[in-house]
Amino acid sequence: MTDSSPSSESAARQPHQDWAQFEQHAAGVVSALRDYSRAVDASGLDKGLVELLKLRASQINGCAFCLQFHLNLARKLRVPQAQLDQLAAWRDSSLFSARERAALAWTEALTRMAAAPVEAGLYAQLQTQFSDVEIANLTAAIGAINAWNRIAGALRFTPPAA
């Protein structure tokens, strides 16, 4: 039987390591992931779209640190608040373009690959909205945020201030 008292719930949310510790302990990893992220940023993809993808993957992965971090960035980029509010239900919202929908579907499929294969039809749909170069960079962006989610989520980094 598990203890569900408030003190055990609070302890369950305590960071295993904070960001500063991780950055110190895995400096080479942090450097490599930052370089990876900078390469995606330099790819020419719309930065607002990339933030939506990062947010959606972070929602699926339950990473509070990455959610807050990318909400902060999305707001600085002036991603419409209504899109941020409806992102979890993007399929049922009229606020997302066909291009955004294709990218969000790709994000969900890649983030959930362990549970279900990525269907060929999804890639064909993506090709109607994006070039091969853009698809490669979208795929890299999704890979990067999933790596960050697994680090920040597993180590329970405290989310940054809003």
Protein backbone atom coordinates (compact mmCIF):
# COMPACT_ATOMS: atom_id res chain seq x y z
CA MET A 1 0.00 0.00 0.00
CA THR A 2 1.31 3.44 -0.88
CA ASP A 3 1.31 6.46 1.39
CA SER A 4 -0.82 9.21 -0.16
CA SER A 5 -0.45 11.73 2.64
CA PRO A 6 0.29 15.35 1.69
CA SER A 7 3.90 14.96 2.81
CA SER A 8 4.46 11.94 0.53
CA GLU A 9 2.82 13.78 -2.40
CA SER A 10 5.07 16.77 -1.76
CA ALA A 11 8.13 14.53 -1.59
CA ALA A 12 7.12 12.85 -4.85
CA ARG A 13 7.29 16.24 -6.60
CA GLN A 14 10.71 17.22 -5.24
CA PRO A 15 13.42 17.52 -7.88
CA HIS A 16 15.85 14.63 -8.07
CA GLN A 17 18.34 17.15 -9.44
CA ASP A 18 17.81 20.77 -10.27
CA TRP A 19 18.81 22.36 -13.56
CA ALA A 20 22.07 23.75 -12.18
CA GLN A 21 23.12 20.32 -10.87
CA PHE A 22 22.32 18.64 -14.16
CA GLU A 23 24.17 21.32 -16.09
CA GLN A 24 27.21 20.76 -13.86
CA HIS A 25 27.03 16.96 -13.89
CA ALA A 26 26.35 16.58 -17.61
CA ALA A 27 27.98 19.66 -19.12
CA GLY A 28 28.85 17.88 -22.38
CA VAL A 29 25.29 16.65 -22.79
CA VAL A 30 23.86 20.10 -22.12
CA SER A 31 26.28 21.61 -24.63
CA ALA A 32 25.41 19.03 -27.28
CA LEU A 33 21.67 19.42 -26.76
CA ARG A 34 21.98 23.21 -26.93
CA ASP A 35 23.92 22.90 -30.20
CA TYR A 36 21.21 20.53 -31.50
CA SER A 37 18.50 22.99 -30.50
CA ARG A 38 20.37 25.91 -32.09
CA ALA A 39 20.65 23.94 -35.34
CA VAL A 40 16.88 23.46 -35.34
CA ASP A 41 16.39 27.17 -34.60
CA ALA A 42 18.65 28.04 -37.55
CA SER A 43 16.79 25.71 -39.93
CA GLY A 44 14.35 28.38 -41.08
CA LEU A 45 11.26 26.77 -39.58
CA ASP A 46 8.70 29.19 -38.20
CA LYS A 47 9.68 29.66 -34.56
CA GLY A 48 6.07 29.97 -33.39
CA LEU A 49 5.19 26.66 -35.03
CA VAL A 50 8.22 24.99 -33.45
CA GLU A 51 7.14 26.26 -30.02
CA LEU A 52 3.67 24.76 -30.56
CA LEU A 53 5.29 21.41 -31.37
CA LYS A 54 7.52 21.60 -28.31
CA LEU A 55 4.55 22.45 -26.13
CA ARG A 56 2.44 19.61 -27.51
CA ALA A 57 5.19 17.03 -26.97
CA SER A 58 5.76 18.40 -23.46
CA GLN A 59 2.04 18.07 -22.72
CA ILE A 60 2.04 14.45 -23.86
CA ASN A 61 5.20 13.68 -21.89
CA GLY A 62 3.97 15.49 -18.78
CA CYS A 63 7.07 17.66 -18.46
CA ALA A 64 6.16 20.69 -16.32
CA PHE A 65 9.59 22.30 -16.72
CA CYS A 66 9.50 22.18 -20.54
CA LEU A 67 5.85 23.25 -20.64
CA GLN A 68 6.57 26.41 -18.67
CA PHE A 69 9.85 27.08 -20.48
CA HIS A 70 8.21 26.86 -23.91
CA LEU A 71 5.07 28.73 -22.86
CA ASN A 72 7.37 31.58 -21.86
CA LEU A 73 9.10 31.44 -25.27
CA ALA A 74 5.83 31.12 -27.18
CA ARG A 75 4.44 34.21 -25.45
CA LYS A 76 7.61 36.17 -26.30
CA LEU A 77 7.14 35.11 -29.93
CA ARG A 78 3.52 36.27 -29.72
CA VAL A 79 1.98 32.89 -30.46
CA PRO A 80 -1.75 33.64 -30.06
CA GLN A 81 -2.96 32.95 -26.54
CA ALA A 82 -6.05 31.23 -27.92
CA GLN A 83 -3.82 28.66 -29.66
CA LEU A 84 -1.90 28.07 -26.43
CA ASP A 85 -5.20 27.64 -24.59
CA GLN A 86 -6.55 25.11 -27.11
CA LEU A 87 -3.35 23.24 -27.97
CA ALA A 88 -4.25 20.09 -26.05
CA ALA A 89 -7.47 19.89 -28.10
CA TRP A 90 -6.06 21.13 -31.41
CA ARG A 91 -7.95 18.50 -33.42
CA ASP A 92 -11.25 20.00 -32.25
CA SER A 93 -10.21 23.63 -32.66
CA SER A 94 -10.59 25.85 -35.71
CA LEU A 95 -7.59 27.96 -34.63
CA PHE A 96 -4.94 25.81 -36.30
CA SER A 97 -4.03 25.92 -39.99
CA ALA A 98 -3.65 22.82 -42.17
CA ARG A 99 0.13 23.25 -41.89
CA GLU A 100 -0.01 23.45 -38.08
CA ARG A 101 -2.34 20.44 -37.95
CA ALA A 102 0.00 18.33 -40.07
CA ALA A 103 2.96 19.29 -37.86
CA LEU A 104 1.02 18.62 -34.65
CA ALA A 105 -0.12 15.21 -35.91
CA TRP A 106 3.52 14.40 -36.76
CA THR A 107 4.59 15.56 -33.31
CA GLU A 108 2.06 13.33 -31.59
CA ALA A 109 2.97 10.32 -33.71
CA LEU A 110 6.71 10.67 -33.08
CA THR A 111 6.23 11.36 -29.38
CA ARG A 112 4.07 8.24 -29.03
CA MET A 113 6.15 5.96 -31.31
CA ALA A 114 6.67 3.38 -28.57
CA ALA A 115 2.92 2.84 -28.33
CA ALA A 116 2.05 2.79 -32.04
CA PRO A 117 3.91 2.85 -35.36
CA VAL A 118 4.04 6.06 -37.38
CA GLU A 119 1.64 5.48 -40.26
CA ALA A 120 2.73 6.13 -43.85
CA GLY A 121 -0.42 8.16 -44.51
CA LEU A 122 0.65 10.62 -41.86
CA TYR A 123 3.93 11.23 -43.66
CA ALA A 124 2.07 11.69 -46.95
CA GLN A 125 -0.15 14.29 -45.25
CA LEU A 126 2.95 16.05 -43.91
CA GLN A 127 4.39 16.18 -47.45
CA THR A 128 1.40 18.18 -48.64
CA GLN A 129 2.36 20.98 -46.24
CA PHE A 130 6.14 20.80 -45.90
CA SER A 131 9.22 20.30 -48.09
CA ASP A 132 11.60 17.39 -47.46
CA VAL A 133 14.04 19.83 -45.81
CA GLU A 134 11.30 21.16 -43.53
CA ILE A 135 10.19 17.62 -42.64
CA ALA A 136 13.74 16.69 -41.70
CA ASN A 137 13.98 19.75 -39.46
CA LEU A 138 10.52 19.24 -37.94
CA THR A 139 11.52 15.68 -37.12
CA ALA A 140 14.75 16.93 -35.54
CA ALA A 141 12.84 19.53 -33.49
CA ILE A 142 10.48 16.86 -32.18
CA GLY A 143 13.42 14.59 -31.36
CA ALA A 144 15.12 17.39 -29.45
CA ILE A 145 12.12 18.27 -27.29
CA ASN A 146 11.48 14.61 -26.53
CA ALA A 147 15.10 14.30 -25.32
CA TRP A 148 14.74 17.41 -23.15
CA ASN A 149 11.38 16.14 -21.80
CA ARG A 150 12.92 12.87 -20.73
CA ILE A 151 15.74 14.63 -18.92
CA ALA A 152 13.77 17.45 -17.29
CA GLY A 153 10.75 15.25 -16.54
CA ALA A 154 12.69 12.33 -15.10
CA LEU A 155 14.88 14.56 -12.92
CA ARG A 156 11.85 16.70 -12.00
CA PHE A 157 13.40 20.06 -12.76
CA THR A 158 11.48 22.86 -11.09
CA PRO A 159 9.61 24.82 -13.76
CA PRO A 160 11.02 28.28 -14.49
CA ALA A 161 9.07 31.39 -13.49
CA ALA A 162 6.30 32.44 -15.85
